[in-house]
Each structure stands twice: as structure tokens, then as C-alpha cells.
Amino acid sequence: MTVRERIQLQEREILADCASFSSETRGRERPEEDSPLRTPYQRDRDRIIHCKSFRRLKHKTQVFLSPEGDHYRTRLTHTLEVAQIARTIARALCLNEDLTEAIALGHDLGHTPFGHAGERSLNELVPGGFRHYEQSVRVVEKLEKDGQGLNLTWEVRNGILCHTKGTEAATLEGRIVRLADRIAYINHDIDDAERAGVLHESDLPQEALRVLGETKSRRIDTLVLSAVENSTPQTIAMDQEVQEAFDCLYAFMFQSVYLNPKAKREERKVPFLMETLYRYLCKPDHLPEDMRAIAEKEGVERAACDYIAGMTDHYAVHLFQSLFVPKPWNTEVPLPQD
């Protein structure tokens, strides 16, 4: 018996009947030989961690554009917090923790630079619109590994696609990630907003805090415990009182932070930057070589979109400056030597 077979046997012994067993995956688009050490979901998790798109998340905005402080969240630290919360819920419910972790780690791979401001800009520019969850799937299916994709299992790709609004994931593990994503960003955005001076702890709605808790860790504990105690083999859910308090906290954050002029003042510059880069890159000879192959197959707009969506905040600003901001002329000419 291989290590993988032993792990899959343990899944049968430990996990709930409603869990997604790695031995029953719907498989990959391109069949592969089984690993002697890792289950299919473990291999997916590892492929995501080692891919270039995952590394770029460290320089992509979460809420505050390119924050200079060391302790603000980035898209990468957000992803890690989502994975931690999701794994805790999955473990408590005896669901597949490896599948849950793989979905969580991959859910934002397609996010644009400049957070949701960048996403809104591309959505207005690209024919057919732009949605980061669809782009995340495109990253793992077509863009990574020089166009080969990561060849992930169906369950991981479905969980990534369905991690936000709209149709729920087909697996309970995918539905856990959707909830964990929201739990993570609401609570860490409060932390970052307080650090930035955008809001103070006393501003938070007291009716929500009475149910959820006064501190970030207490709130996360309350939300996770409620999900563990109220989920069923059909759905991942919290009890009504906790859900209503959570919705109240979200509504407060939406008005006080996500639409706050102080927090978002730099975002008004994003549409111009994104559109300028997009128009420039919609000329095939302005695209890098690897993007030209996409332009030939799927159109230059698709290639320009893929290229911009993959940029970090820093790279997008640097490219814009190098293309459109004049550089100072160096007037210091060395004197001729005798």
C-alpha cells in the first residue's frame, strides 16, 4: 500500500459521509498517473503554492492601495487567513481539509492589481466584462506554466469559481471557503482600517459586537463556532442571530470603509491608469511575447486583460510610469579631459 492509498483509506475511516473523498474526484482535464505520496487534492494545493500567480499575491492590494506600513494585509496574507479559517471549519465538520485548503489558496489567483477598484475598471473595459473568480479559474486552467495550466481537479476549480456570489460550490468544502473568505476579510479589514485611522473601535456597531464579540479573535471564534454547530450535510450555515449580526457588521464596513473617501482617495486614479495600459496593450506589438500567443488564439483584448490582471500594484505603476511619464533629462555632461 502506498502512502497515498493509506491516506485515502484514512479519509474513509475519519471523514463524514458528505465529505469529498479524494479517491472519488471527478478528475483532471488531462489524466495523470497517481502520486505514490499525495492525494489529488494535496497535489493541487502544492501546485497552487508553487505557482507564479500565488507569489504575486504578496504585492496585490487587499483594501488599502500599496500600503507602506508592514502590517497591512495584502492579497496573499488575506489568502492565508482564509485558508486557516476554512481548514478549521473543515476539520471540525470532518470534511476534506486538503480540498478546502487547495480551494482557499487558489480562490484569488486571478485578482487584479489595486483590489476591487482594478476589477471594476477591467470589467468596464473588457468585452464581456471581468470577474476575478472567473479569471482565477482561467489562471489555473490556461495561464500558468506557460499556457499549460496547473491541471487541477474538477472539485478545486469548481470551488474557486464559486467562492463568491452566485451559484454555490458543488462541494461542502467549496462552500466553507465562501464563508471563510467573508469571515476573514470583514475582520481583518476592521483591523487594517483601525490601523489606518479610518475608523476607531468605538465606531463599530455595538449591537453586532454584543453577539459576535469585542475583539477580532473573539468574533472569528463566534462565527466559526456557529458555522460548525449549524451546518448540515446539505449546507454550510450559521445560526440566525449570528448571521444577522455578521450582516450588520458587513453593512457597516461597506459604508464606513469600502466607500470611505479617505480610505479610497487613491482609487480614483485607478481607472485612468488601467484604461491607459489596456488601450496601449491592445496593440499586439506592445504585448510581451508570451501574451502574443494568446492574442493570436483569443484576441488582443483577451491577452491585454490577462496581462494586466496578472500584474502586481507595483508593476502596473512602474509600467505606466515607464511608458507615459517623461523622465528628467540628465544635463550633467562631464567636462572633456585635457
Protein backbone atom coordinates (compact mmCIF):
# COMPACT_ATOMS: atom_id res chain seq x y z
CA MET A 1 0.00 0.00 0.00
CA THR A 2 1.36 3.40 -0.98
CA VAL A 3 1.29 6.44 1.31
CA ARG A 4 -1.46 7.95 -0.87
CA GLU A 5 -3.58 4.81 -0.60
CA ARG A 6 -3.14 4.79 3.17
CA ILE A 7 -4.24 8.43 3.38
CA GLN A 8 -7.28 7.72 1.23
CA LEU A 9 -8.16 4.77 3.45
CA GLN A 10 -7.90 7.06 6.47
CA GLU A 11 -10.24 9.51 4.76
CA ARG A 12 -12.82 6.74 4.57
CA GLU A 13 -12.41 6.00 8.26
CA ILE A 14 -12.35 9.57 9.55
CA LEU A 15 -14.30 11.87 7.25
CA ALA A 16 -18.08 12.34 7.24
CA ASP A 17 -20.17 10.62 4.59
CA CYS A 18 -20.88 14.00 2.98
CA ALA A 19 -17.17 14.82 2.59
CA SER A 20 -15.39 14.90 -0.75
CA PHE A 21 -13.17 11.84 -0.83
CA SER A 22 -10.01 12.27 -2.86
CA SER A 23 -10.40 8.76 -4.26
CA GLU A 24 -13.70 9.85 -5.85
CA THR A 25 -12.56 13.06 -7.53
CA ARG A 26 -14.12 13.83 -10.88
CA GLY A 27 -10.57 14.11 -12.09
CA ARG A 28 -8.49 16.43 -14.21
CA GLU A 29 -8.93 17.66 -17.77
CA ARG A 30 -5.74 15.80 -18.66
CA PRO A 31 -5.45 12.43 -16.90
CA GLU A 32 -2.32 11.87 -14.84
CA GLU A 33 -0.78 8.95 -13.01
CA ASP A 34 -1.50 8.91 -9.28
CA SER A 35 1.22 10.07 -6.93
CA PRO A 36 2.55 7.43 -4.52
CA LEU A 37 2.74 10.06 -1.76
CA ARG A 38 -0.03 12.64 -2.20
CA THR A 39 -3.74 12.56 -2.88
CA PRO A 40 -5.07 14.55 -5.86
CA TYR A 41 -6.20 17.40 -3.60
CA GLN A 42 -2.82 17.55 -1.87
CA ARG A 43 -1.11 17.79 -5.25
CA ASP A 44 -3.47 20.63 -6.23
CA ARG A 45 -2.65 22.52 -3.05
CA ASP A 46 1.07 22.16 -3.69
CA ARG A 47 0.79 23.24 -7.34
CA ILE A 48 -1.02 26.40 -6.31
CA ILE A 49 1.53 27.28 -3.62
CA HIS A 50 4.41 26.89 -6.07
CA CYS A 51 2.86 28.80 -8.99
CA LYS A 52 3.89 32.32 -10.03
CA SER A 53 0.40 33.76 -9.62
CA PHE A 54 0.39 32.78 -5.95
CA ARG A 55 3.70 34.57 -5.33
CA ARG A 56 2.42 37.74 -6.99
CA LEU A 57 -0.40 38.00 -4.45
CA LYS A 58 2.08 39.43 -1.95
CA HIS A 59 2.13 42.70 -3.92
CA LYS A 60 -1.56 42.98 -4.71
CA THR A 61 -3.92 45.26 -2.81
CA GLN A 62 -6.45 43.95 -0.33
CA VAL A 63 -8.19 47.20 0.77
CA PHE A 64 -5.56 49.93 1.00
CA LEU A 65 -3.64 50.56 -2.22
CA SER A 66 0.05 49.66 -1.91
CA PRO A 67 0.19 50.42 1.83
CA GLU A 68 3.59 51.48 3.12
CA GLY A 69 3.19 50.01 6.61
CA ASP A 70 4.50 46.49 7.20
CA HIS A 71 1.36 45.19 8.89
CA TYR A 72 -1.40 45.88 6.38
CA ARG A 73 -2.93 42.89 4.65
CA THR A 74 -2.13 42.07 1.07
CA ARG A 75 -3.99 39.66 -1.18
CA LEU A 76 -1.52 36.97 -0.08
CA THR A 77 -1.96 37.40 3.66
CA HIS A 78 -5.73 37.52 3.11
CA THR A 79 -5.50 34.21 1.26
CA LEU A 80 -3.56 32.61 4.11
CA GLU A 81 -6.11 33.81 6.67
CA VAL A 82 -8.95 32.41 4.57
CA ALA A 83 -7.15 29.07 4.36
CA GLN A 84 -6.65 28.94 8.12
CA ILE A 85 -10.30 29.68 8.91
CA ALA A 86 -11.57 27.30 6.24
CA ARG A 87 -9.35 24.46 7.42
CA THR A 88 -10.56 24.92 10.99
CA ILE A 89 -14.20 24.61 9.91
CA ALA A 90 -13.50 21.65 7.62
CA ARG A 91 -11.60 19.78 10.30
CA ALA A 92 -14.34 20.32 12.87
CA LEU A 93 -17.00 19.07 10.43
CA CYS A 94 -14.89 16.06 9.39
CA LEU A 95 -14.75 17.27 5.80
CA ASN A 96 -11.77 17.11 3.45
CA GLU A 97 -9.24 19.60 4.77
CA ASP A 98 -6.87 19.18 1.81
CA LEU A 99 -9.57 20.07 -0.72
CA THR A 100 -10.68 23.01 1.41
CA GLU A 101 -7.12 24.33 1.66
CA ALA A 102 -6.49 24.00 -2.08
CA ILE A 103 -9.63 25.98 -2.93
CA ALA A 104 -8.81 28.65 -0.35
CA LEU A 105 -5.24 29.09 -1.58
CA GLY A 106 -6.37 29.40 -5.19
CA HIS A 107 -9.50 31.48 -4.83
CA ASP A 108 -7.93 34.90 -5.57
CA LEU A 109 -5.20 33.97 -8.06
CA GLY A 110 -6.96 35.95 -10.78
CA HIS A 111 -7.44 39.13 -8.79
CA THR A 112 -6.32 42.34 -10.43
CA PRO A 113 -3.87 44.92 -9.11
CA PHE A 114 -5.49 47.63 -6.96
CA GLY A 115 -8.10 45.29 -5.48
CA HIS A 116 -11.73 45.67 -6.43
CA ALA A 117 -11.03 49.09 -7.96
CA GLY A 118 -8.90 47.33 -10.54
CA GLU A 119 -11.54 44.66 -11.03
CA ARG A 120 -14.25 47.28 -11.65
CA SER A 121 -12.02 49.05 -14.16
CA LEU A 122 -11.31 45.91 -16.18
CA ASN A 123 -14.97 44.95 -16.02
CA GLU A 124 -15.84 48.19 -17.82
CA LEU A 125 -13.05 47.84 -20.39
CA VAL A 126 -13.02 44.20 -21.43
CA PRO A 127 -15.63 42.87 -23.88
CA GLY A 128 -17.88 40.55 -21.90
CA GLY A 129 -16.77 42.03 -18.58
CA PHE A 130 -14.29 40.82 -16.00
CA ARG A 131 -14.85 38.86 -12.79
CA HIS A 132 -11.89 37.87 -10.65
CA TYR A 133 -13.28 34.45 -9.75
CA GLU A 134 -13.57 33.53 -13.43
CA GLN A 135 -10.07 34.86 -14.01
CA SER A 136 -8.79 32.72 -11.12
CA VAL A 137 -10.07 29.64 -12.92
CA ARG A 138 -8.54 30.86 -16.16
CA VAL A 139 -5.19 31.25 -14.38
CA VAL A 140 -5.13 27.64 -13.21
CA GLU A 141 -6.58 26.22 -16.44
CA LYS A 142 -4.76 28.21 -19.13
CA LEU A 143 -2.27 30.82 -17.99
CA GLU A 144 0.07 29.14 -15.53
CA LYS A 145 3.05 27.05 -16.65
CA ASP A 146 3.45 28.86 -19.97
CA GLY A 147 -0.11 28.19 -21.09
CA GLN A 148 -0.37 24.60 -19.89
CA GLY A 149 -2.26 25.44 -16.71
CA LEU A 150 -1.98 23.57 -13.43
CA ASN A 151 -4.39 20.79 -14.48
CA LEU A 152 -6.23 20.87 -11.15
CA THR A 153 -9.07 18.57 -10.19
CA TRP A 154 -12.65 19.50 -11.03
CA GLU A 155 -13.58 19.99 -7.38
CA VAL A 156 -10.85 22.58 -6.77
CA ARG A 157 -11.68 24.51 -9.94
CA ASN A 158 -15.39 24.47 -9.07
CA GLY A 159 -14.68 25.76 -5.56
CA ILE A 160 -12.53 28.60 -6.91
CA LEU A 161 -15.20 29.58 -9.44
CA CYS A 162 -17.99 29.59 -6.85
CA HIS A 163 -16.19 31.18 -3.90
CA THR A 164 -18.15 34.43 -4.05
CA LYS A 165 -21.66 35.48 -5.10
CA GLY A 166 -23.96 33.39 -7.27
CA THR A 167 -24.05 29.63 -7.59
CA GLU A 168 -22.73 27.73 -4.60
CA ALA A 169 -19.88 25.27 -4.95
CA ALA A 170 -20.81 21.66 -5.60
CA THR A 171 -18.86 20.52 -2.54
CA LEU A 172 -19.28 21.43 1.11
CA GLU A 173 -15.57 22.19 1.16
CA GLY A 174 -16.07 24.84 -1.51
CA ARG A 175 -18.96 26.34 0.44
CA ILE A 176 -16.77 26.54 3.52
CA VAL A 177 -14.27 28.65 1.58
CA ARG A 178 -17.01 31.08 0.54
CA LEU A 179 -17.92 31.66 4.19
CA ALA A 180 -14.30 31.72 5.37
CA ASP A 181 -13.47 34.35 2.75
CA ARG A 182 -16.11 36.67 4.14
CA ILE A 183 -15.21 35.98 7.77
CA ALA A 184 -11.56 36.74 7.04
CA TYR A 185 -11.90 39.94 5.07
CA ILE A 186 -14.54 41.59 7.27
CA ASN A 187 -12.45 41.07 10.39
CA HIS A 188 -9.01 41.83 9.02
CA ASP A 189 -10.35 44.88 7.18
CA ILE A 190 -11.57 46.23 10.53
CA ASP A 191 -8.05 45.71 11.87
CA ASP A 192 -6.44 47.48 8.90
CA ALA A 193 -8.97 50.32 8.94
CA GLU A 194 -8.26 50.97 12.61
CA ARG A 195 -4.52 50.93 11.93
CA ALA A 196 -5.04 53.43 9.10
CA GLY A 197 -7.14 55.76 11.27
CA VAL A 198 -10.17 55.31 9.02
CA LEU A 199 -12.29 54.10 11.92
CA HIS A 200 -11.99 53.50 15.64
CA GLU A 201 -13.12 50.54 17.68
CA SER A 202 -15.85 52.66 19.27
CA ASP A 203 -17.35 53.25 15.80
CA LEU A 204 -18.27 49.58 15.32
CA PRO A 205 -22.00 48.75 15.68
CA GLN A 206 -22.49 47.71 19.28
CA GLU A 207 -25.49 45.51 18.51
CA ALA A 208 -23.25 43.35 16.31
CA LEU A 209 -20.40 43.28 18.81
CA ARG A 210 -22.70 42.13 21.60
CA VAL A 211 -23.37 38.96 19.59
CA LEU A 212 -20.01 38.45 17.87
CA GLY A 213 -17.51 39.78 20.39
CA GLU A 214 -15.42 42.86 21.03
CA THR A 215 -12.13 41.63 19.55
CA LYS A 216 -11.14 40.22 16.16
CA SER A 217 -10.22 36.82 17.58
CA ARG A 218 -13.46 36.62 19.58
CA ARG A 219 -15.54 37.50 16.52
CA ILE A 220 -13.81 34.89 14.36
CA ASP A 221 -14.29 32.27 17.09
CA THR A 222 -18.01 33.10 17.32
CA LEU A 223 -18.53 32.92 13.56
CA VAL A 224 -16.56 29.71 13.12
CA LEU A 225 -18.24 28.00 16.08
CA SER A 226 -21.67 28.98 14.77
CA ALA A 227 -20.84 27.52 11.36
CA VAL A 228 -19.62 24.29 12.93
CA GLU A 229 -22.71 23.94 15.13
CA ASN A 230 -25.30 24.83 12.49
CA SER A 231 -24.01 23.31 9.25
CA THR A 232 -25.67 20.19 7.85
CA PRO A 233 -24.72 17.57 5.23
CA GLN A 234 -26.51 19.83 2.73
CA THR A 235 -25.28 23.31 3.60
CA ILE A 236 -22.76 25.45 5.48
CA ALA A 237 -24.62 27.97 7.62
CA MET A 238 -24.60 29.96 10.86
CA ASP A 239 -27.50 30.46 13.27
CA GLN A 240 -29.85 33.36 12.58
CA GLU A 241 -28.68 35.66 15.40
CA VAL A 242 -25.02 35.35 14.42
CA GLN A 243 -25.81 35.70 10.72
CA GLU A 244 -27.82 38.88 11.31
CA ALA A 245 -25.03 40.36 13.45
CA PHE A 246 -22.50 39.46 10.77
CA ASP A 247 -24.66 41.09 8.08
CA CYS A 248 -24.91 44.20 10.25
CA LEU A 249 -21.13 44.35 10.59
CA TYR A 250 -20.71 43.92 6.83
CA ALA A 251 -23.17 46.72 6.07
CA PHE A 252 -21.27 48.99 8.47
CA MET A 253 -17.93 48.15 6.83
CA PHE A 254 -19.34 48.75 3.37
CA GLN A 255 -20.40 52.27 4.23
CA SER A 256 -17.61 53.19 6.63
CA VAL A 257 -14.57 51.64 4.93
CA TYR A 258 -15.24 50.22 1.46
CA LEU A 259 -16.88 53.50 0.37
CA ASN A 260 -14.88 55.78 2.68
CA PRO A 261 -13.38 58.73 0.76
CA LYS A 262 -10.29 58.76 2.98
CA ALA A 263 -9.60 55.06 2.53
CA LYS A 264 -10.36 55.15 -1.18
CA ARG A 265 -8.98 58.52 -2.26
CA GLU A 266 -6.19 56.95 -4.32
CA GLU A 267 -8.64 54.65 -6.09
CA ARG A 268 -9.96 57.49 -8.24
CA LYS A 269 -6.65 57.31 -10.11
CA VAL A 270 -7.01 53.60 -10.89
CA PRO A 271 -9.48 53.75 -13.82
CA PHE A 272 -7.28 56.14 -15.80
CA LEU A 273 -4.17 54.03 -15.20
CA MET A 274 -5.94 50.77 -16.07
CA GLU A 275 -7.59 52.16 -19.19
CA THR A 276 -4.36 53.75 -20.42
CA LEU A 277 -2.46 50.48 -20.02
CA TYR A 278 -5.30 48.49 -21.59
CA ARG A 279 -5.53 50.72 -24.67
CA TYR A 280 -1.76 50.61 -25.10
CA LEU A 281 -1.58 46.83 -24.75
CA CYS A 282 -4.43 46.23 -27.17
CA LYS A 283 -1.82 46.52 -29.91
CA PRO A 284 -0.18 43.11 -30.45
CA ASP A 285 3.32 44.51 -30.86
CA HIS A 286 3.02 46.14 -27.43
CA LEU A 287 2.40 42.81 -25.69
CA PRO A 288 5.17 40.62 -24.28
CA GLU A 289 5.98 37.54 -26.33
CA ASP A 290 4.04 35.03 -24.19
CA MET A 291 0.90 37.18 -24.38
CA ARG A 292 1.05 37.39 -28.17
CA ALA A 293 0.24 33.71 -28.45
CA ILE A 294 -2.98 34.35 -26.52
CA ALA A 295 -3.75 37.33 -28.76
CA GLU A 296 -3.46 35.15 -31.85
CA LYS A 297 -5.80 32.48 -30.45
CA GLU A 298 -8.31 34.50 -28.42
CA GLY A 299 -7.92 38.12 -29.48
CA VAL A 300 -5.76 41.01 -28.38
CA GLU A 301 -8.35 42.25 -25.84
CA ARG A 302 -8.20 38.90 -24.03
CA ALA A 303 -4.41 38.97 -23.99
CA ALA A 304 -4.28 42.55 -22.70
CA CYS A 305 -6.76 41.65 -19.97
CA ASP A 306 -4.78 38.58 -18.90
CA TYR A 307 -1.55 40.56 -18.79
CA ILE A 308 -2.98 43.43 -16.72
CA ALA A 309 -4.92 41.16 -14.36
CA GLY A 310 -1.70 39.32 -13.55
CA MET A 311 0.22 42.47 -12.64
CA THR A 312 1.04 43.48 -9.10
CA ASP A 313 0.26 47.01 -7.97
CA HIS A 314 3.94 47.91 -8.12
CA TYR A 315 4.46 46.53 -11.61
CA ALA A 316 1.38 48.26 -13.02
CA VAL A 317 2.53 51.63 -11.66
CA HIS A 318 6.09 51.05 -12.86
CA LEU A 319 4.94 50.09 -16.36
CA PHE A 320 2.65 53.12 -16.55
CA GLN A 321 5.46 55.43 -15.46
CA SER A 322 7.96 53.93 -17.87
CA LEU A 323 5.53 54.25 -20.79
CA PHE A 324 3.79 57.56 -20.13
CA VAL A 325 5.68 59.67 -17.59
CA PRO A 326 8.61 61.66 -19.05
CA LYS A 327 11.96 61.02 -17.44
CA PRO A 328 14.12 64.02 -16.47
CA TRP A 329 16.90 64.83 -18.90
CA ASN A 330 20.36 64.49 -17.45
CA THR A 331 22.06 67.82 -18.14
CA GLU A 332 25.24 66.99 -16.27
CA VAL A 333 27.69 66.43 -19.11
CA PRO A 334 31.20 65.50 -18.00
CA LEU A 335 33.86 68.06 -18.94
CA PRO A 336 36.36 66.99 -21.57
CA GLN A 337 39.69 65.88 -20.23
CA ASP A 338 42.94 67.54 -21.35
